[in-house]
Amino acid sequence: MQLLRFGVVGVLGTAVNIFILHVLHNELGWGFTRSSMIATELAIIQNYVWNELWTFHLRQLHMRRLVQYNVSSLLGFGVTVAVATTVKELIDPRLAQLVGILCGAGLNYLVNVRWTWGPGATPDELAEP
């Protein structure tokens, strides 16, 4: 069930990512790589919030996990942007972004489920100052 929820959050994040990319690149005329980076980071933050509250049921945002999620997402971020920037020469930029997202998604799940929300990520830590 956790993997399914993580996937649903990922789909929502993908929609956010593609929408923001479209606005920045197609509507505002910003460069593709810069637009892709901004879109991906905003989607990462959105995904963290939903995963924290819904997927992993901790129901309270925690700065340590936000930082861990963001750090662990850097590899997926790099894969997403690199693949999308390369593939956009061959296909529509929004579809290229989707291909990039899919390439980084599996790695993102494995790292986050083991580190960000691994054994130490229990509701007990919410009592930490």
C-alpha atoms as a PDB file:
ATOM      1  CA  MET A   1       0.000   0.000   0.000  1.00  0.00           C
ATOM      2  CA  GLN A   2       2.887   2.328   0.804  1.00  0.00           C
ATOM      3  CA  LEU A   3       4.364   1.912  -2.677  1.00  0.00           C
ATOM      4  CA  LEU A   4       0.945   2.589  -4.235  1.00  0.00           C
ATOM      5  CA  ARG A   5       0.539   5.788  -2.205  1.00  0.00           C
ATOM      6  CA  PHE A   6       4.081   6.855  -3.065  1.00  0.00           C
ATOM      7  CA  GLY A   7       3.146   6.312  -6.715  1.00  0.00           C
ATOM      8  CA  VAL A   8      -0.053   8.369  -6.413  1.00  0.00           C
ATOM      9  CA  VAL A   9       1.941  11.199  -4.831  1.00  0.00           C
ATOM     10  CA  GLY A  10       4.452  10.854  -7.654  1.00  0.00           C
ATOM     11  CA  VAL A  11       1.702  11.179 -10.257  1.00  0.00           C
ATOM     12  CA  LEU A  12       0.435  14.341  -8.548  1.00  0.00           C
ATOM     13  CA  GLY A  13       3.995  15.641  -8.404  1.00  0.00           C
ATOM     14  CA  THR A  14       4.401  14.876 -12.080  1.00  0.00           C
ATOM     15  CA  ALA A  15       1.292  16.907 -12.897  1.00  0.00           C
ATOM     16  CA  VAL A  16       2.623  19.817 -10.805  1.00  0.00           C
ATOM     17  CA  ASN A  17       6.029  19.494 -12.464  1.00  0.00           C
ATOM     18  CA  ILE A  18       4.685  19.442 -16.025  1.00  0.00           C
ATOM     19  CA  PHE A  19       2.286  22.324 -15.345  1.00  0.00           C
ATOM     20  CA  ILE A  20       5.000  24.537 -13.840  1.00  0.00           C
ATOM     21  CA  LEU A  21       7.399  23.633 -16.658  1.00  0.00           C
ATOM     22  CA  HIS A  22       4.739  24.567 -19.209  1.00  0.00           C
ATOM     23  CA  VAL A  23       4.051  27.931 -17.558  1.00  0.00           C
ATOM     24  CA  LEU A  24       7.716  28.865 -17.130  1.00  0.00           C
ATOM     25  CA  HIS A  25       8.993  27.596 -20.478  1.00  0.00           C
ATOM     26  CA  ASN A  26       6.062  27.891 -22.881  1.00  0.00           C
ATOM     27  CA  GLU A  27       4.124  30.818 -21.428  1.00  0.00           C
ATOM     28  CA  LEU A  28       6.907  32.948 -19.903  1.00  0.00           C
ATOM     29  CA  GLY A  29       9.638  31.951 -22.343  1.00  0.00           C
ATOM     30  CA  TRP A  30      12.243  30.979 -19.755  1.00  0.00           C
ATOM     31  CA  GLY A  31      15.029  28.601 -20.777  1.00  0.00           C
ATOM     32  CA  PHE A  32      14.145  24.924 -20.670  1.00  0.00           C
ATOM     33  CA  THR A  33      16.830  23.763 -18.227  1.00  0.00           C
ATOM     34  CA  ARG A  34      16.091  26.547 -15.729  1.00  0.00           C
ATOM     35  CA  SER A  35      12.352  25.914 -16.039  1.00  0.00           C
ATOM     36  CA  SER A  36      12.890  22.171 -15.591  1.00  0.00           C
ATOM     37  CA  MET A  37      14.983  22.734 -12.458  1.00  0.00           C
ATOM     38  CA  ILE A  38      12.403  25.032 -10.848  1.00  0.00           C
ATOM     39  CA  ALA A  39       9.502  22.758 -11.783  1.00  0.00           C
ATOM     40  CA  THR A  40      11.303  19.716 -10.404  1.00  0.00           C
ATOM     41  CA  GLU A  41      12.203  21.381  -7.084  1.00  0.00           C
ATOM     42  CA  LEU A  42       8.644  22.615  -6.508  1.00  0.00           C
ATOM     43  CA  ALA A  43       7.344  19.130  -7.264  1.00  0.00           C
ATOM     44  CA  ILE A  44       9.874  17.657  -4.791  1.00  0.00           C
ATOM     45  CA  ILE A  45       8.584  19.920  -2.011  1.00  0.00           C
ATOM     46  CA  GLN A  46       4.965  19.085  -2.853  1.00  0.00           C
ATOM     47  CA  ASN A  47       5.778  15.367  -2.885  1.00  0.00           C
ATOM     48  CA  TYR A  48       7.495  15.549   0.498  1.00  0.00           C
ATOM     49  CA  VAL A  49       4.432  17.107   2.115  1.00  0.00           C
ATOM     50  CA  TRP A  50       2.027  14.491   0.707  1.00  0.00           C
ATOM     51  CA  ASN A  51       4.359  11.587   1.479  1.00  0.00           C
ATOM     52  CA  GLU A  52       4.878  12.789   5.031  1.00  0.00           C
ATOM     53  CA  LEU A  53       1.205  13.296   5.752  1.00  0.00           C
ATOM     54  CA  TRP A  54      -0.388  10.500   3.714  1.00  0.00           C
ATOM     55  CA  THR A  55       2.033   7.843   2.457  1.00  0.00           C
ATOM     56  CA  PHE A  56       4.027   7.362   5.656  1.00  0.00           C
ATOM     57  CA  HIS A  57       1.304   8.533   8.076  1.00  0.00           C
ATOM     58  CA  LEU A  58       3.557  10.618  10.287  1.00  0.00           C
ATOM     59  CA  ARG A  59       1.095  13.485   9.903  1.00  0.00           C
ATOM     60  CA  GLN A  60       3.521  16.167  10.973  1.00  0.00           C
ATOM     61  CA  LEU A  61       6.075  17.905   8.830  1.00  0.00           C
ATOM     62  CA  HIS A  62       9.591  17.501  10.150  1.00  0.00           C
ATOM     63  CA  MET A  63      12.476  19.676   8.971  1.00  0.00           C
ATOM     64  CA  ARG A  64      15.021  16.825   9.166  1.00  0.00           C
ATOM     65  CA  ARG A  65      12.930  14.643   6.864  1.00  0.00           C
ATOM     66  CA  LEU A  66      12.313  17.554   4.482  1.00  0.00           C
ATOM     67  CA  VAL A  67      16.072  18.065   4.198  1.00  0.00           C
ATOM     68  CA  GLN A  68      16.682  14.309   3.822  1.00  0.00           C
ATOM     69  CA  TYR A  69      13.971  14.040   1.176  1.00  0.00           C
ATOM     70  CA  ASN A  70      15.386  16.986  -0.733  1.00  0.00           C
ATOM     71  CA  VAL A  71      18.970  15.717  -0.504  1.00  0.00           C
ATOM     72  CA  SER A  72      17.983  12.209  -1.535  1.00  0.00           C
ATOM     73  CA  SER A  73      15.935  13.638  -4.385  1.00  0.00           C
ATOM     74  CA  LEU A  74      18.987  15.446  -5.801  1.00  0.00           C
ATOM     75  CA  LEU A  75      20.074  12.321  -7.640  1.00  0.00           C
ATOM     76  CA  GLY A  76      16.586  11.882  -9.091  1.00  0.00           C
ATOM     77  CA  PHE A  77      16.560  15.624  -9.784  1.00  0.00           C
ATOM     78  CA  GLY A  78      19.799  15.348 -11.749  1.00  0.00           C
ATOM     79  CA  VAL A  79      18.527  12.356 -13.697  1.00  0.00           C
ATOM     80  CA  THR A  80      15.210  14.102 -14.435  1.00  0.00           C
ATOM     81  CA  VAL A  81      16.792  17.310 -15.700  1.00  0.00           C
ATOM     82  CA  ALA A  82      19.615  15.609 -17.639  1.00  0.00           C
ATOM     83  CA  VAL A  83      17.330  13.147 -19.399  1.00  0.00           C
ATOM     84  CA  ALA A  84      14.654  15.778 -20.108  1.00  0.00           C
ATOM     85  CA  THR A  85      17.192  18.252 -21.462  1.00  0.00           C
ATOM     86  CA  THR A  86      18.647  15.604 -23.756  1.00  0.00           C
ATOM     87  CA  VAL A  87      15.353  14.092 -24.922  1.00  0.00           C
ATOM     88  CA  LYS A  88      13.660  17.448 -25.568  1.00  0.00           C
ATOM     89  CA  GLU A  89      15.682  17.694 -28.749  1.00  0.00           C
ATOM     90  CA  LEU A  90      13.686  14.737 -30.073  1.00  0.00           C
ATOM     91  CA  ILE A  91      10.192  15.185 -28.618  1.00  0.00           C
ATOM     92  CA  ASP A  92       7.856  17.802 -27.107  1.00  0.00           C
ATOM     93  CA  PRO A  93       9.475  19.395 -24.016  1.00  0.00           C
ATOM     94  CA  ARG A  94       6.571  18.377 -21.739  1.00  0.00           C
ATOM     95  CA  LEU A  95       6.873  14.765 -22.844  1.00  0.00           C
ATOM     96  CA  ALA A  96      10.655  14.993 -22.427  1.00  0.00           C
ATOM     97  CA  GLN A  97      10.102  16.159 -18.854  1.00  0.00           C
ATOM     98  CA  LEU A  98       7.825  13.185 -18.241  1.00  0.00           C
ATOM     99  CA  VAL A  99      10.476  10.794 -19.557  1.00  0.00           C
ATOM    100  CA  GLY A 100      13.020  12.405 -17.228  1.00  0.00           C
ATOM    101  CA  ILE A 101      10.670  12.110 -14.250  1.00  0.00           C
ATOM    102  CA  LEU A 102      10.070   8.426 -14.922  1.00  0.00           C
ATOM    103  CA  CYS A 103      13.806   7.769 -15.112  1.00  0.00           C
ATOM    104  CA  GLY A 104      14.399   9.290 -11.668  1.00  0.00           C
ATOM    105  CA  ALA A 105      11.290   7.906  -9.916  1.00  0.00           C
ATOM    106  CA  GLY A 106      12.416   4.385  -8.984  1.00  0.00           C
ATOM    107  CA  LEU A 107      15.716   5.565  -7.576  1.00  0.00           C
ATOM    108  CA  ASN A 108      13.891   8.277  -5.640  1.00  0.00           C
ATOM    109  CA  TYR A 109      11.564   5.742  -3.987  1.00  0.00           C
ATOM    110  CA  LEU A 110      14.334   3.350  -2.956  1.00  0.00           C
ATOM    111  CA  VAL A 111      16.485   6.023  -1.360  1.00  0.00           C
ATOM    112  CA  ASN A 112      13.609   7.731   0.433  1.00  0.00           C
ATOM    113  CA  VAL A 113      11.909   4.625   1.776  1.00  0.00           C
ATOM    114  CA  ARG A 114      15.221   3.468   3.248  1.00  0.00           C
ATOM    115  CA  TRP A 115      16.626   6.764   4.496  1.00  0.00           C
ATOM    116  CA  THR A 116      14.042   9.536   4.817  1.00  0.00           C
ATOM    117  CA  TRP A 117      11.239   7.332   6.134  1.00  0.00           C
ATOM    118  CA  GLY A 118      13.384   4.387   7.187  1.00  0.00           C
ATOM    119  CA  PRO A 119      13.491   2.755  10.624  1.00  0.00           C
ATOM    120  CA  GLY A 120      14.331   6.019  12.441  1.00  0.00           C
ATOM    121  CA  ALA A 121      11.349   7.912  11.035  1.00  0.00           C
ATOM    122  CA  THR A 122       8.783   7.072  13.682  1.00  0.00           C
ATOM    123  CA  PRO A 123       6.198   9.240  15.404  1.00  0.00           C
ATOM    124  CA  ASP A 124       8.432   9.119  18.518  1.00  0.00           C
ATOM    125  CA  GLU A 125      10.888  11.497  16.870  1.00  0.00           C
ATOM    126  CA  LEU A 126       8.125  14.077  16.583  1.00  0.00           C
ATOM    127  CA  ALA A 127       8.600  14.754  20.284  1.00  0.00           C
ATOM    128  CA  GLU A 128      12.206  15.856  19.673  1.00  0.00           C
ATOM    129  CA  PRO A 129      12.814  19.548  20.334  1.00  0.00           C
END
